[in-house]
Each structure stands twice: as C-alpha cells, then as structure tokens.
Amino acid sequence: MEKVEDSAEYSPYPKLTPEDVAQPPPPPVGHRDATTMLPESNPYIIPAATAPSSSPKNTMGTVRDVLDKFGKEVNEAAKKTEDLAAF
C-alpha cells in the first residue's frame, strides 16, 4: 500500500494558483468603505484649537524656568531632610 506522503498529489502546504495571490481590483471611483467615516462625524477626533504661535526660544525658556524652580524646591527639601536627620 502506498503512503499518502509519497503520492504525487500530496503537498505539505496548499498549492497556490496565480489567481490566489493576485491583487484585488481597485474600488470604483467615488466608492467609500462601510467603515469609513467623515472626519467631522467621528466622535473620537477633536479638531485642534488654533493656539497662538510661540517661538521655540520662548518655549525652551519656559521649560528652563520650570526646571530651575523644581530644582530649587528639591534642594530645599534635601536641606530640610538633612536638618531632620541631624536630630
């Protein structure tokens, strides 16, 4: 009796034809998918409010000021901790 693996029709993987791997035809012009929503009707997209433009230099200055203030507060807290540890 002949094994199935030895037969000429056996293939461990399915045989694909060129039609199996062909690209699908493009959708007709003006066709919209059923899941496509108009941007203005999507509840998860909120249009960005127009904010006054700020220069990168001004933004960097603001960040630097905030970090300086934070650093001073951390320094003061470290000094208080050292004073409490001395007792």
PDB file of N, CA and C in Angstrom:
ATOM      1  N   MET A   1       0.842  -1.186   0.000  1.00  0.00           N
ATOM      2  CA  MET A   1       0.000   0.000   0.000  1.00  0.00           C
ATOM      3  C   MET A   1       0.885   1.245   0.000  1.00  0.00           C
ATOM      4  N   GLU A   2       0.539   2.239  -0.770  1.00  0.00           N
ATOM      5  CA  GLU A   2       1.337   3.460  -0.943  1.00  0.00           C
ATOM      6  C   GLU A   2       0.985   4.464   0.145  1.00  0.00           C
ATOM      7  N   LYS A   3       2.003   5.120   0.720  1.00  0.00           N
ATOM      8  CA  LYS A   3       1.782   6.147   1.739  1.00  0.00           C
ATOM      9  C   LYS A   3       1.220   7.397   1.072  1.00  0.00           C
ATOM     10  N   VAL A   4       0.443   8.155   1.826  1.00  0.00           N
ATOM     11  CA  VAL A   4      -0.132   9.399   1.298  1.00  0.00           C
ATOM     12  C   VAL A   4       0.981  10.389   0.987  1.00  0.00           C
ATOM     13  N   GLU A   5       2.024  10.447   1.842  1.00  0.00           N
ATOM     14  CA  GLU A   5       3.104  11.405   1.630  1.00  0.00           C
ATOM     15  C   GLU A   5       3.878  11.140   0.348  1.00  0.00           C
ATOM     16  N   ASP A   6       3.888   9.867  -0.109  1.00  0.00           N
ATOM     17  CA  ASP A   6       4.644   9.524  -1.306  1.00  0.00           C
ATOM     18  C   ASP A   6       3.852   9.737  -2.583  1.00  0.00           C
ATOM     19  N   SER A   7       2.581  10.012  -2.482  1.00  0.00           N
ATOM     20  CA  SER A   7       1.782  10.157  -3.700  1.00  0.00           C
ATOM     21  C   SER A   7       2.134  11.463  -4.395  1.00  0.00           C
ATOM     22  N   ALA A   8       1.853  11.546  -5.667  1.00  0.00           N
ATOM     23  CA  ALA A   8       2.188  12.715  -6.472  1.00  0.00           C
ATOM     24  C   ALA A   8       1.312  13.911  -6.109  1.00  0.00           C
ATOM     25  N   GLU A   9       0.134  13.667  -5.532  1.00  0.00           N
ATOM     26  CA  GLU A   9      -0.779  14.759  -5.226  1.00  0.00           C
ATOM     27  C   GLU A   9      -0.580  15.329  -3.832  1.00  0.00           C
ATOM     28  N   TYR A  10       0.205  14.653  -2.989  1.00  0.00           N
ATOM     29  CA  TYR A  10       0.400  15.131  -1.624  1.00  0.00           C
ATOM     30  C   TYR A  10       1.311  16.343  -1.604  1.00  0.00           C
ATOM     31  N   SER A  11       0.937  17.336  -0.812  1.00  0.00           N
ATOM     32  CA  SER A  11       1.761  18.515  -0.612  1.00  0.00           C
ATOM     33  C   SER A  11       1.587  18.943   0.837  1.00  0.00           C
ATOM     34  N   PRO A  12       2.693  19.152   1.567  1.00  0.00           N
ATOM     35  CA  PRO A  12       2.535  19.571   2.962  1.00  0.00           C
ATOM     36  C   PRO A  12       1.927  20.967   3.082  1.00  0.00           C
ATOM     37  N   TYR A  13       1.980  21.740   2.032  1.00  0.00           N
ATOM     38  CA  TYR A  13       1.410  23.083   2.011  1.00  0.00           C
ATOM     39  C   TYR A  13       0.430  23.160   0.853  1.00  0.00           C
ATOM     40  N   PRO A  14      -0.581  23.991   0.952  1.00  0.00           N
ATOM     41  CA  PRO A  14      -1.514  24.092  -0.175  1.00  0.00           C
ATOM     42  C   PRO A  14      -0.819  24.682  -1.393  1.00  0.00           C
ATOM     43  N   LYS A  15      -1.220  24.223  -2.547  1.00  0.00           N
ATOM     44  CA  LYS A  15      -0.666  24.761  -3.800  1.00  0.00           C
ATOM     45  C   LYS A  15      -1.489  25.984  -4.183  1.00  0.00           C
ATOM     46  N   LEU A  16      -0.803  27.072  -4.458  1.00  0.00           N
ATOM     47  CA  LEU A  16      -1.462  28.320  -4.822  1.00  0.00           C
ATOM     48  C   LEU A  16      -1.403  28.521  -6.323  1.00  0.00           C
ATOM     49  N   THR A  17      -2.469  29.057  -6.847  1.00  0.00           N
ATOM     50  CA  THR A  17      -2.503  29.409  -8.262  1.00  0.00           C
ATOM     51  C   THR A  17      -2.254  30.905  -8.374  1.00  0.00           C
ATOM     52  N   PRO A  18      -1.913  31.408  -9.550  1.00  0.00           N
ATOM     53  CA  PRO A  18      -1.713  32.862  -9.700  1.00  0.00           C
ATOM     54  C   PRO A  18      -2.955  33.668  -9.303  1.00  0.00           C
ATOM     55  N   GLU A  19      -4.139  33.110  -9.460  1.00  0.00           N
ATOM     56  CA  GLU A  19      -5.356  33.827  -9.073  1.00  0.00           C
ATOM     57  C   GLU A  19      -5.439  33.982  -7.549  1.00  0.00           C
ATOM     58  N   ASP A  20      -4.863  33.007  -6.817  1.00  0.00           N
ATOM     59  CA  ASP A  20      -4.892  33.084  -5.357  1.00  0.00           C
ATOM     60  C   ASP A  20      -4.063  34.243  -4.812  1.00  0.00           C
ATOM     61  N   VAL A  21      -3.011  34.625  -5.487  1.00  0.00           N
ATOM     62  CA  VAL A  21      -2.116  35.667  -4.987  1.00  0.00           C
ATOM     63  C   VAL A  21      -2.236  36.976  -5.755  1.00  0.00           C
ATOM     64  N   ALA A  22      -3.204  37.080  -6.659  1.00  0.00           N
ATOM     65  CA  ALA A  22      -3.381  38.298  -7.454  1.00  0.00           C
ATOM     66  C   ALA A  22      -3.944  39.413  -6.583  1.00  0.00           C
ATOM     67  N   GLN A  23      -3.579  40.635  -6.883  1.00  0.00           N
ATOM     68  CA  GLN A  23      -4.090  41.801  -6.168  1.00  0.00           C
ATOM     69  C   GLN A  23      -5.581  41.947  -6.452  1.00  0.00           C
ATOM     70  N   PRO A  24      -6.365  42.363  -5.457  1.00  0.00           N
ATOM     71  CA  PRO A  24      -7.790  42.586  -5.716  1.00  0.00           C
ATOM     72  C   PRO A  24      -7.961  43.798  -6.618  1.00  0.00           C
ATOM     73  N   PRO A  25      -9.041  43.848  -7.348  1.00  0.00           N
ATOM     74  CA  PRO A  25      -9.251  45.014  -8.226  1.00  0.00           C
ATOM     75  C   PRO A  25      -9.462  46.266  -7.382  1.00  0.00           C
ATOM     76  N   PRO A  26      -9.070  47.432  -7.892  1.00  0.00           N
ATOM     77  CA  PRO A  26      -9.263  48.678  -7.134  1.00  0.00           C
ATOM     78  C   PRO A  26     -10.753  48.983  -6.995  1.00  0.00           C
ATOM     79  N   PRO A  27     -11.142  49.669  -5.926  1.00  0.00           N
ATOM     80  CA  PRO A  27     -12.560  50.011  -5.762  1.00  0.00           C
ATOM     81  C   PRO A  27     -12.981  51.021  -6.830  1.00  0.00           C
ATOM     82  N   PRO A  28     -14.244  51.043  -7.153  1.00  0.00           N
ATOM     83  CA  PRO A  28     -14.707  52.017  -8.149  1.00  0.00           C
ATOM     84  C   PRO A  28     -14.504  53.447  -7.641  1.00  0.00           C
ATOM     85  N   VAL A  29     -14.386  54.368  -8.558  1.00  0.00           N
ATOM     86  CA  VAL A  29     -14.174  55.775  -8.207  1.00  0.00           C
ATOM     87  C   VAL A  29     -15.394  56.284  -7.445  1.00  0.00           C
ATOM     88  N   GLY A  30     -15.125  56.984  -6.338  1.00  0.00           N
ATOM     89  CA  GLY A  30     -16.205  57.523  -5.524  1.00  0.00           C
ATOM     90  C   GLY A  30     -16.757  56.516  -4.534  1.00  0.00           C
ATOM     91  N   HIS A  31     -16.196  55.342  -4.477  1.00  0.00           N
ATOM     92  CA  HIS A  31     -16.657  54.301  -3.551  1.00  0.00           C
ATOM     93  C   HIS A  31     -16.070  54.531  -2.174  1.00  0.00           C
ATOM     94  N   ARG A  32     -16.898  54.418  -1.143  1.00  0.00           N
ATOM     95  CA  ARG A  32     -16.438  54.573   0.235  1.00  0.00           C
ATOM     96  C   ARG A  32     -16.713  53.272   0.968  1.00  0.00           C
ATOM     97  N   ASP A  33     -15.771  52.871   1.799  1.00  0.00           N
ATOM     98  CA  ASP A  33     -15.976  51.676   2.613  1.00  0.00           C
ATOM     99  C   ASP A  33     -17.090  51.922   3.618  1.00  0.00           C
ATOM    100  N   ALA A  34     -17.696  50.844   4.061  1.00  0.00           N
ATOM    101  CA  ALA A  34     -18.774  50.958   5.037  1.00  0.00           C
ATOM    102  C   ALA A  34     -18.255  51.471   6.379  1.00  0.00           C
ATOM    103  N   THR A  35     -16.985  51.242   6.676  1.00  0.00           N
ATOM    104  CA  THR A  35     -16.442  51.666   7.969  1.00  0.00           C
ATOM    105  C   THR A  35     -15.788  53.039   7.913  1.00  0.00           C
ATOM    106  N   THR A  36     -15.729  53.648   6.764  1.00  0.00           N
ATOM    107  CA  THR A  36     -15.092  54.953   6.639  1.00  0.00           C
ATOM    108  C   THR A  36     -16.072  56.038   7.072  1.00  0.00           C
ATOM    109  N   MET A  37     -15.621  56.876   7.983  1.00  0.00           N
ATOM    110  CA  MET A  37     -16.455  57.978   8.457  1.00  0.00           C
ATOM    111  C   MET A  37     -15.866  59.300   7.989  1.00  0.00           C
ATOM    112  N   LEU A  38     -16.718  60.247   7.814  1.00  0.00           N
ATOM    113  CA  LEU A  38     -16.236  61.579   7.518  1.00  0.00           C
ATOM    114  C   LEU A  38     -15.539  62.118   8.764  1.00  0.00           C
ATOM    115  N   PRO A  39     -14.433  62.845   8.609  1.00  0.00           N
ATOM    116  CA  PRO A  39     -13.704  63.339   9.788  1.00  0.00           C
ATOM    117  C   PRO A  39     -14.570  64.164  10.725  1.00  0.00           C
ATOM    118  N   GLU A  40     -15.487  64.951  10.186  1.00  0.00           N
ATOM    119  CA  GLU A  40     -16.292  65.804  11.049  1.00  0.00           C
ATOM    120  C   GLU A  40     -17.373  65.022  11.812  1.00  0.00           C
ATOM    121  N   SER A  41     -17.636  63.776  11.425  1.00  0.00           N
ATOM    122  CA  SER A  41     -18.638  62.990  12.134  1.00  0.00           C
ATOM    123  C   SER A  41     -18.025  61.969  13.085  1.00  0.00           C
ATOM    124  N   ASN A  42     -16.719  61.895  13.159  1.00  0.00           N
ATOM    125  CA  ASN A  42     -16.057  60.939  14.044  1.00  0.00           C
ATOM    126  C   ASN A  42     -15.990  61.524  15.453  1.00  0.00           C
ATOM    127  N   PRO A  43     -16.615  60.870  16.445  1.00  0.00           N
ATOM    128  CA  PRO A  43     -16.615  61.432  17.799  1.00  0.00           C
ATOM    129  C   PRO A  43     -15.263  61.344  18.501  1.00  0.00           C
ATOM    130  N   TYR A  44     -14.336  60.564  17.968  1.00  0.00           N
ATOM    131  CA  TYR A  44     -13.032  60.399  18.616  1.00  0.00           C
ATOM    132  C   TYR A  44     -11.995  61.393  18.111  1.00  0.00           C
ATOM    133  N   ILE A  45     -12.337  62.169  17.111  1.00  0.00           N
ATOM    134  CA  ILE A  45     -11.401  63.163  16.577  1.00  0.00           C
ATOM    135  C   ILE A  45     -11.923  64.538  16.934  1.00  0.00           C
ATOM    136  N   ILE A  46     -11.092  65.285  17.653  1.00  0.00           N
ATOM    137  CA  ILE A  46     -11.454  66.643  18.036  1.00  0.00           C
ATOM    138  C   ILE A  46     -10.518  67.585  17.290  1.00  0.00           C
ATOM    139  N   PRO A  47     -11.058  68.509  16.519  1.00  0.00           N
ATOM    140  CA  PRO A  47     -10.174  69.432  15.804  1.00  0.00           C
ATOM    141  C   PRO A  47      -9.340  70.248  16.780  1.00  0.00           C
ATOM    142  N   ALA A  48      -8.100  70.444  16.432  1.00  0.00           N
ATOM    143  CA  ALA A  48      -7.194  71.199  17.291  1.00  0.00           C
ATOM    144  C   ALA A  48      -7.580  72.671  17.273  1.00  0.00           C
ATOM    145  N   ALA A  49      -7.606  73.250  18.445  1.00  0.00           N
ATOM    146  CA  ALA A  49      -7.879  74.680  18.544  1.00  0.00           C
ATOM    147  C   ALA A  49      -6.635  75.428  18.091  1.00  0.00           C
ATOM    148  N   THR A  50      -6.839  76.518  17.433  1.00  0.00           N
ATOM    149  CA  THR A  50      -5.698  77.294  16.974  1.00  0.00           C
ATOM    150  C   THR A  50      -5.145  78.072  18.152  1.00  0.00           C
ATOM    151  N   ALA A  51      -3.970  77.694  18.561  1.00  0.00           N
ATOM    152  CA  ALA A  51      -3.306  78.364  19.673  1.00  0.00           C
ATOM    153  C   ALA A  51      -2.370  79.432  19.130  1.00  0.00           C
ATOM    154  N   PRO A  52      -2.125  80.463  19.899  1.00  0.00           N
ATOM    155  CA  PRO A  52      -1.173  81.467  19.424  1.00  0.00           C
ATOM    156  C   PRO A  52       0.198  80.812  19.250  1.00  0.00           C
ATOM    157  N   SER A  53       0.815  81.140  18.166  1.00  0.00           N
ATOM    158  CA  SER A  53       2.118  80.524  17.905  1.00  0.00           C
ATOM    159  C   SER A  53       3.155  81.079  18.877  1.00  0.00           C
ATOM    160  N   SER A  54       3.936  80.179  19.410  1.00  0.00           N
ATOM    161  CA  SER A  54       5.007  80.598  20.302  1.00  0.00           C
ATOM    162  C   SER A  54       6.313  80.143  19.690  1.00  0.00           C
ATOM    163  N   SER A  55       7.300  80.945  19.870  1.00  0.00           N
ATOM    164  CA  SER A  55       8.583  80.606  19.283  1.00  0.00           C
ATOM    165  C   SER A  55       9.243  79.509  20.094  1.00  0.00           C
ATOM    166  N   PRO A  56      10.077  78.677  19.472  1.00  0.00           N
ATOM    167  CA  PRO A  56      10.772  77.628  20.217  1.00  0.00           C
ATOM    168  C   PRO A  56      11.652  78.200  21.328  1.00  0.00           C
ATOM    169  N   LYS A  57      12.178  79.394  21.115  1.00  0.00           N
ATOM    170  CA  LYS A  57      13.030  80.012  22.133  1.00  0.00           C
ATOM    171  C   LYS A  57      12.211  80.321  23.382  1.00  0.00           C
ATOM    172  N   ASN A  58      10.986  80.820  23.193  1.00  0.00           N
ATOM    173  CA  ASN A  58      10.118  81.121  24.318  1.00  0.00           C
ATOM    174  C   ASN A  58       9.737  79.833  25.044  1.00  0.00           C
ATOM    175  N   THR A  59       9.439  78.782  24.312  1.00  0.00           N
ATOM    176  CA  THR A  59       9.078  77.510  24.916  1.00  0.00           C
ATOM    177  C   THR A  59      10.245  76.943  25.700  1.00  0.00           C
ATOM    178  N   MET A  60      11.440  76.993  25.140  1.00  0.00           N
ATOM    179  CA  MET A  60      12.619  76.481  25.849  1.00  0.00           C
ATOM    180  C   MET A  60      12.870  77.297  27.116  1.00  0.00           C
ATOM    181  N   GLY A  61      12.646  78.581  27.054  1.00  0.00           N
ATOM    182  CA  GLY A  61      12.818  79.420  28.231  1.00  0.00           C
ATOM    183  C   GLY A  61      11.829  79.048  29.324  1.00  0.00           C
ATOM    184  N   THR A  62      10.605  78.772  28.938  1.00  0.00           N
ATOM    185  CA  THR A  62       9.592  78.375  29.908  1.00  0.00           C
ATOM    186  C   THR A  62       9.969  77.048  30.559  1.00  0.00           C
ATOM    187  N   VAL A  63      10.413  76.095  29.760  1.00  0.00           N
ATOM    188  CA  VAL A  63      10.819  74.795  30.298  1.00  0.00           C
ATOM    189  C   VAL A  63      11.990  74.968  31.251  1.00  0.00           C
ATOM    190  N   ARG A  64      12.938  75.793  30.870  1.00  0.00           N
ATOM    191  CA  ARG A  64      14.108  76.029  31.720  1.00  0.00           C
ATOM    192  C   ARG A  64      13.686  76.646  33.054  1.00  0.00           C
ATOM    193  N   ASP A  65      12.760  77.606  33.010  1.00  0.00           N
ATOM    194  CA  ASP A  65      12.289  78.244  34.243  1.00  0.00           C
ATOM    195  C   ASP A  65      11.600  77.237  35.165  1.00  0.00           C
ATOM    196  N   VAL A  66      10.773  76.382  34.593  1.00  0.00           N
ATOM    197  CA  VAL A  66      10.072  75.383  35.394  1.00  0.00           C
ATOM    198  C   VAL A  66      11.064  74.417  36.027  1.00  0.00           C
ATOM    199  N   LEU A  67      12.047  73.953  35.246  1.00  0.00           N
ATOM    200  CA  LEU A  67      13.040  73.022  35.786  1.00  0.00           C
ATOM    201  C   LEU A  67      13.905  73.688  36.857  1.00  0.00           C
ATOM    202  N   ASP A  68      14.241  74.953  36.671  1.00  0.00           N
ATOM    203  CA  ASP A  68      15.007  75.669  37.700  1.00  0.00           C
ATOM    204  C   ASP A  68      14.218  75.748  39.006  1.00  0.00           C
ATOM    205  N   LYS A  69      12.937  76.077  38.889  1.00  0.00           N
ATOM    206  CA  LYS A  69      12.094  76.184  40.075  1.00  0.00           C
ATOM    207  C   LYS A  69      11.995  74.822  40.764  1.00  0.00           C
ATOM    208  N   PHE A  70      11.816  73.766  39.994  1.00  0.00           N
ATOM    209  CA  PHE A  70      11.737  72.424  40.553  1.00  0.00           C
ATOM    210  C   PHE A  70      13.042  72.050  41.241  1.00  0.00           C
ATOM    211  N   GLY A  71      14.156  72.389  40.620  1.00  0.00           N
ATOM    212  CA  GLY A  71      15.461  72.089  41.215  1.00  0.00           C
ATOM    213  C   GLY A  71      15.651  72.788  42.543  1.00  0.00           C
ATOM    214  N   LYS A  72      15.216  74.043  42.645  1.00  0.00           N
ATOM    215  CA  LYS A  72      15.329  74.787  43.906  1.00  0.00           C
ATOM    216  C   LYS A  72      14.480  74.147  44.994  1.00  0.00           C
ATOM    217  N   GLU A  73      13.268  73.696  44.622  1.00  0.00           N
ATOM    218  CA  GLU A  73      12.392  73.059  45.605  1.00  0.00           C
ATOM    219  C   GLU A  73      12.995  71.737  46.088  1.00  0.00           C
ATOM    220  N   VAL A  74      13.587  70.975  45.187  1.00  0.00           N
ATOM    221  CA  VAL A  74      14.227  69.719  45.578  1.00  0.00           C
ATOM    222  C   VAL A  74      15.408  70.002  46.491  1.00  0.00           C
ATOM    223  N   ASN A  75      16.180  71.047  46.199  1.00  0.00           N
ATOM    224  CA  ASN A  75      17.334  71.417  47.022  1.00  0.00           C
ATOM    225  C   ASN A  75      16.881  71.804  48.432  1.00  0.00           C
ATOM    226  N   GLU A  76      15.806  72.582  48.519  1.00  0.00           N
ATOM    227  CA  GLU A  76      15.285  72.976  49.829  1.00  0.00           C
ATOM    228  C   GLU A  76      14.803  71.755  50.615  1.00  0.00           C
ATOM    229  N   ALA A  77      14.133  70.829  49.933  1.00  0.00           N
ATOM    230  CA  ALA A  77      13.645  69.623  50.610  1.00  0.00           C
ATOM    231  C   ALA A  77      14.813  68.770  51.092  1.00  0.00           C
ATOM    232  N   ALA A  78      15.887  68.705  50.318  1.00  0.00           N
ATOM    233  CA  ALA A  78      17.063  67.933  50.731  1.00  0.00           C
ATOM    234  C   ALA A  78      17.697  68.553  51.965  1.00  0.00           C
ATOM    235  N   LYS A  79      17.772  69.898  52.010  1.00  0.00           N
ATOM    236  CA  LYS A  79      18.338  70.564  53.185  1.00  0.00           C
ATOM    237  C   LYS A  79      17.500  70.301  54.433  1.00  0.00           C
ATOM    238  N   LYS A  80      16.159  70.352  54.289  1.00  0.00           N
ATOM    239  CA  LYS A  80      15.279  70.086  55.430  1.00  0.00           C
ATOM    240  C   LYS A  80      15.443  68.647  55.904  1.00  0.00           C
ATOM    241  N   THR A  81      15.592  67.730  54.960  1.00  0.00           N
ATOM    242  CA  THR A  81      15.787  66.323  55.319  1.00  0.00           C
ATOM    243  C   THR A  81      17.088  66.131  56.089  1.00  0.00           C
ATOM    244  N   GLU A  82      18.138  66.813  55.657  1.00  0.00           N
ATOM    245  CA  GLU A  82      19.428  66.721  56.353  1.00  0.00           C
ATOM    246  C   GLU A  82      19.315  67.290  57.769  1.00  0.00           C
ATOM    247  N   ASP A  83      18.581  68.408  57.893  1.00  0.00           N
ATOM    248  CA  ASP A  83      18.413  69.012  59.215  1.00  0.00           C
ATOM    249  C   ASP A  83      17.644  68.071  60.156  1.00  0.00           C
ATOM    250  N   LEU A  84      16.614  67.415  59.634  1.00  0.00           N
ATOM    251  CA  LEU A  84      15.825  66.492  60.461  1.00  0.00           C
ATOM    252  C   LEU A  84      16.657  65.256  60.824  1.00  0.00           C
ATOM    253  N   ALA A  85      17.502  64.829  59.933  1.00  0.00           N
ATOM    254  CA  ALA A  85      18.346  63.643  60.195  1.00  0.00           C
ATOM    255  C   ALA A  85      19.410  63.941  61.241  1.00  0.00           C
ATOM    256  N   ALA A  86      19.773  65.201  61.428  1.00  0.00           N
ATOM    257  CA  ALA A  86      20.810  65.570  62.380  1.00  0.00           C
ATOM    258  C   ALA A  86      20.320  65.446  63.822  1.00  0.00           C
ATOM    259  N   PHE A  87      19.009  65.480  64.032  1.00  0.00           N
ATOM    260  CA  PHE A  87      18.486  65.404  65.390  1.00  0.00           C
ATOM    261  C   PHE A  87      18.483  63.996  65.894  1.00  0.00           C
TER     262      PHE A  87
END
